Protein backbone atom coordinates (compact mmCIF):
# COMPACT_ATOMS: atom_id res chain seq x y z
CA ILE A 1 19.63 -10.01 -13.61
CA ILE A 2 17.27 -7.29 -11.99
CA VAL A 3 18.10 -3.82 -11.58
CA ILE A 4 16.13 -1.72 -9.20
CA ILE A 5 16.88 2.22 -9.63
CA GLU A 6 15.92 4.71 -6.99
CA ASP A 7 14.61 8.09 -8.43
CA ARG A 8 13.09 10.82 -6.26
CA GLY A 9 11.89 8.16 -3.53
CA PHE A 10 10.20 5.73 -6.00
CA ARG A 11 11.57 2.46 -7.20
CA TYR A 12 11.84 1.10 -10.77
CA SER A 13 12.82 -2.25 -11.62
CA VAL A 14 14.44 -3.61 -15.01
CA GLY A 15 14.91 -7.51 -15.62
CA ILE A 16 16.99 -8.99 -17.91
CA THR A 17 15.65 -12.63 -18.31
CA ASN A 18 17.72 -13.87 -21.29
CA ILE A 19 21.07 -15.15 -19.46
CA MET A 20 22.17 -17.25 -22.78
CA MET A 21 23.21 -14.00 -24.60
CA SER A 22 25.94 -13.39 -27.17
CA PRO A 23 29.19 -11.74 -26.10
CA LEU A 24 28.28 -8.48 -27.81
CA HIS A 25 24.84 -8.24 -26.24
CA LEU A 26 26.38 -9.20 -22.84
CA CYS A 27 28.73 -6.03 -23.39
CA ILE A 28 25.89 -3.69 -24.22
CA ALA A 29 23.92 -5.09 -21.12
CA ILE A 30 26.99 -4.21 -18.85
CA ILE A 31 27.49 -0.86 -20.36
CA TRP A 32 23.86 -0.15 -19.70
CA PHE A 33 24.04 -1.24 -16.36
CA THR A 34 27.06 0.80 -15.42
CA VAL A 35 25.45 4.02 -16.93
CA ALA A 36 22.28 3.25 -14.98
CA VAL A 37 23.96 3.04 -11.87
CA SER A 38 26.22 6.10 -12.26
CA GLU A 39 22.88 7.97 -13.17
CA ALA A 40 20.84 6.81 -10.00
CA ASP A 41 21.19 5.25 -6.73
CA ALA A 42 20.78 1.43 -7.37
CA SER A 43 22.10 -1.91 -6.58
CA LEU A 44 21.30 -5.44 -7.68
CA PHE A 45 19.51 -5.83 -4.37
CA GLY A 46 17.21 -2.84 -4.36
CA VAL A 47 17.42 0.80 -3.03
CA SER A 48 21.24 1.48 -2.11
CA SER A 49 22.14 2.96 1.31
CA THR A 50 22.81 6.33 -0.31
CA ALA A 51 19.35 6.66 -1.59
CA ALA A 52 17.81 5.59 1.74
CA SER A 53 19.90 8.04 3.54
CA ASN A 54 18.93 11.01 1.23
CA LEU A 55 15.24 10.49 2.14
CA SER A 56 14.12 13.38 4.22
CA PRO A 57 11.90 12.88 7.26
CA LEU A 58 8.11 12.47 6.21
CA ARG A 59 6.89 15.41 8.00
CA SER A 60 9.15 17.54 5.81
CA LYS A 61 9.40 17.33 2.13
CA SER A 62 9.55 13.57 1.52
CA ALA A 63 8.30 11.51 -1.16
CA LEU A 64 4.99 10.96 0.59
CA SER A 65 4.65 14.62 1.71
CA ILE A 66 4.61 15.23 -2.02
CA VAL A 67 2.05 12.60 -2.67
CA HIS A 68 0.04 14.23 0.00
CA GLN A 69 0.26 17.53 -1.48
CA MET A 70 -0.49 16.16 -4.80
CA SER A 71 -3.55 14.48 -3.60
CA ARG A 72 -5.12 17.54 -2.17
CA GLY A 73 -3.99 19.99 -5.00
CA GLY A 74 -1.59 21.62 -2.88
CA GLY A 75 2.35 22.09 -3.63
CA ASP A 76 3.89 23.98 -6.51
CA GLU A 77 2.38 24.60 -9.89
CA GLU A 78 4.35 21.66 -11.40
CA SER A 79 3.16 19.02 -8.86
CA LYS A 80 -0.35 19.49 -9.88
CA ASP A 81 0.06 17.83 -13.07
CA VAL A 82 1.96 14.79 -11.71
CA VAL A 83 -0.01 11.62 -11.41
CA LEU A 84 -0.15 9.89 -7.99
CA PRO A 85 2.49 7.06 -7.77
CA THR A 86 1.25 3.52 -8.66
CA SER A 87 4.05 1.61 -6.65
CA ARG A 88 4.90 2.35 -2.90
CA PRO A 89 7.98 4.63 -2.28
CA TYR A 90 10.80 3.38 0.00
CA LEU A 91 9.07 3.70 3.40
CA PRO A 92 11.32 1.72 6.11
CA TYR A 93 8.87 1.92 9.03
CA THR A 94 5.82 -0.09 9.35
CA LEU A 95 3.22 -0.70 12.10
CA ALA A 96 0.61 -3.27 11.47
CA ILE A 97 -2.60 -4.17 13.19
CA ARG A 98 -4.19 -7.82 12.93
CA ASP A 99 -7.74 -8.28 13.43
CA SER A 100 -10.56 -10.74 12.14
CA ILE A 101 -13.99 -10.62 10.66
CA MET A 102 -16.47 -13.66 10.17
CA ILE A 103 -18.86 -12.81 7.26
CA ALA A 104 -21.37 -14.66 4.91
CA HIS A 105 -21.74 -13.85 1.32
CA SER A 106 -22.21 -15.37 -2.16
CA PHE A 107 -21.31 -14.66 -5.80
CA HIS A 108 -24.92 -14.60 -6.85
CA ASN A 109 -24.76 -18.00 -8.24
CA HIS A 110 -22.29 -16.94 -11.01
CA PRO A 111 -20.93 -20.12 -12.80
CA SER A 112 -17.30 -18.53 -12.76
CA PHE A 113 -17.27 -19.12 -9.00
CA GLY A 114 -18.51 -22.77 -9.04
CA PRO A 115 -19.59 -24.05 -5.70
CA ALA A 116 -18.64 -20.77 -4.13
CA GLY A 117 -21.41 -19.01 -6.11
CA GLY A 118 -23.98 -19.89 -3.43
CA LEU A 119 -24.26 -18.42 0.09
CA HIS A 120 -21.45 -19.59 2.43
CA GLY A 121 -19.32 -18.24 5.28
CA ALA A 122 -15.83 -17.01 5.70
CA THR A 123 -13.40 -15.98 8.35
CA TYR A 124 -10.79 -13.39 7.21
CA THR A 125 -7.63 -12.49 9.07
CA VAL A 126 -7.27 -8.64 8.46
CA ASP A 127 -3.70 -7.04 8.59
CA VAL A 128 -3.57 -3.33 8.08
CA GLU A 129 -0.11 -1.95 7.69
CA PHE A 130 0.79 1.86 8.02
CA ALA A 131 3.98 2.61 6.61
CA SER A 132 6.26 5.89 7.04
CA ALA A 133 9.41 7.26 6.15
CA SER A 134 10.11 8.52 9.40
CA LEU A 135 8.93 8.23 13.18
CA HIS A 136 7.01 10.79 14.78
CA PRO A 137 9.68 13.21 16.14
CA GLU A 138 8.65 13.19 19.86
CA CYS A 139 6.82 9.73 20.46
CA ASN A 140 9.03 7.67 18.07
CA TRP A 141 5.89 5.86 16.25
CA VAL A 142 4.44 5.47 12.88
CA ILE A 143 0.93 5.81 14.37
CA ASP A 144 -0.42 5.60 17.83
CA ILE A 145 -1.02 1.87 18.14
CA GLY A 146 -4.12 2.30 20.13
CA VAL A 147 -5.67 4.85 17.58
CA ALA A 148 -4.85 2.42 14.82
CA SER A 149 -6.40 -0.52 16.62
CA ASP A 150 -9.41 1.14 17.44
CA LEU A 151 -9.76 2.64 14.06
CA VAL A 152 -9.37 -0.57 12.25
CA ALA A 153 -12.01 -2.30 14.68
CA GLU A 154 -14.29 0.55 14.01
CA VAL A 155 -14.37 0.01 10.18
CA LEU A 156 -14.29 -3.72 10.53
CA LYS A 157 -17.68 -3.46 12.47
CA LYS A 158 -19.65 -2.57 9.41
CA TYR A 159 -19.12 -6.23 8.01
CA ASN A 160 -18.37 -8.61 11.03
CA TYR A 161 -21.08 -10.91 11.43
CA LYS A 162 -23.02 -9.51 8.22
CA ASN A 163 -24.10 -10.79 5.10
CA LEU A 164 -22.11 -9.03 2.60
CA ASP A 165 -24.94 -9.52 -0.15
CA GLU A 166 -27.20 -7.25 2.10
CA VAL A 167 -24.51 -4.76 3.06
CA PHE A 168 -23.31 -3.95 -0.90
CA GLY A 169 -26.43 -5.09 -2.65
CA GLU A 170 -27.64 -7.53 -5.06
CA GLY A 171 -25.01 -8.29 -7.83
CA VAL A 172 -21.89 -7.14 -6.23
CA MET A 173 -19.13 -9.62 -6.08
CA THR A 174 -17.67 -9.32 -2.68
CA THR A 175 -14.42 -11.00 -3.31
CA THR A 176 -11.35 -11.06 -1.19
CA GLU A 177 -9.82 -8.31 -3.50
CA PHE A 178 -13.05 -6.22 -3.32
CA MET A 179 -13.17 -6.24 0.30
CA CYS A 180 -9.45 -5.35 0.69
CA ARG A 181 -10.33 -2.21 -1.08
CA ALA A 182 -13.48 -1.68 0.96
CA ILE A 183 -11.77 -1.58 4.15
CA HIS A 184 -8.69 0.43 2.84
CA ASP A 185 -11.28 2.91 1.75
CA GLY A 186 -12.92 2.77 5.32
CA VAL A 187 -9.50 3.11 7.40
CA VAL A 188 -8.85 6.23 4.89
CA GLU A 189 -12.03 7.90 5.87
CA LYS A 190 -11.80 7.25 9.43
CA LEU A 191 -8.14 8.57 9.50
CA LYS A 192 -9.53 11.90 7.68
CA GLU A 193 -12.32 12.23 10.19
CA LYS A 194 -10.04 11.82 13.24
CA TYR A 195 -7.30 14.48 12.18
CA GLU A 196 -9.78 16.90 10.77
CA LYS A 197 -11.23 16.87 14.26
CA ASP A 198 -8.07 16.56 16.31
CA GLY A 199 -5.68 18.64 14.13
CA GLU A 200 -2.90 16.76 11.93
CA GLU A 201 -0.08 17.87 14.07
CA ASN A 202 0.38 14.28 15.37
CA GLY A 203 -1.42 12.62 12.54
CA PHE A 204 -0.33 9.72 10.22
CA GLU A 205 0.95 10.48 6.83
CA GLY A 206 2.11 7.52 4.63
CA TRP A 207 1.09 4.66 2.87
CA ILE A 208 -1.58 1.96 4.09
CA LYS A 209 -1.78 -1.49 2.85
CA VAL A 210 -4.83 -3.98 3.77
CA THR A 211 -4.38 -7.74 3.37
CA LEU A 212 -7.19 -10.39 3.97
CA GLY A 213 -6.32 -13.97 4.43
CA GLU A 214 -8.91 -16.35 3.27
CA SER A 215 -6.79 -19.38 4.45
CA HIS A 216 -3.29 -20.53 4.96
CA LYS A 217 -3.01 -21.03 1.00
CA ALA A 218 -4.71 -17.92 -0.29
CA TRP A 219 -4.72 -14.14 0.55
CA ALA A 220 -5.26 -10.80 -1.40
CA SER A 221 -4.16 -7.40 -0.53
CA TYR A 222 -4.74 -3.45 -1.67
CA ASP A 223 -2.43 -0.76 -0.87
CA GLY A 224 -2.05 3.09 -1.68
CA PRO A 225 -1.30 6.59 -0.14
CA LEU A 226 -3.24 8.47 2.51
CA PRO A 227 -4.77 11.33 0.43
């Protein structure tokens, strides 16, 4: 049994894995579940409709707006002591951009990587997702798709047709996971540059997830809020 509880826009899950429990333990579990549901908007299948409807628009005081304030040192005094969330808040709208890069790299003959330790090539499918609690009030978009596409292409230009050993230096293990973080940081940096220049009135506020597909069998991702 998995119970997911919605609390101030963030989701928490609790799992009960021992199904073969005694009647006493089963009664305790049922009582606990009843109390949990009464104290928070929750359901067996995720965030309840009540919790979803209570989320205010992102450009007002939503969960991600609070994250935005905390990361910039803004907001009220209490928010300055709050740590940024480690899991993504409930954000129903997503726009994704897909691109690809061709790279060469090695793992510097480290024995843990086997044959891949030597120099070899790779083609990554790159998916960058922009998630938001609400749509733009006038344009009804998460982010301008043209801006997002150009921005992702600009970030990937740094790595496309390059030897990552030369880009990052000797000894850096440019794994798929590592590259997800590098591309995510690049997207965040480009977004900040754009909205500092153009103003943030029509800018994106939300959560960004970067996924790199090595093949049809394996992929990795990194995600986090836009500070």
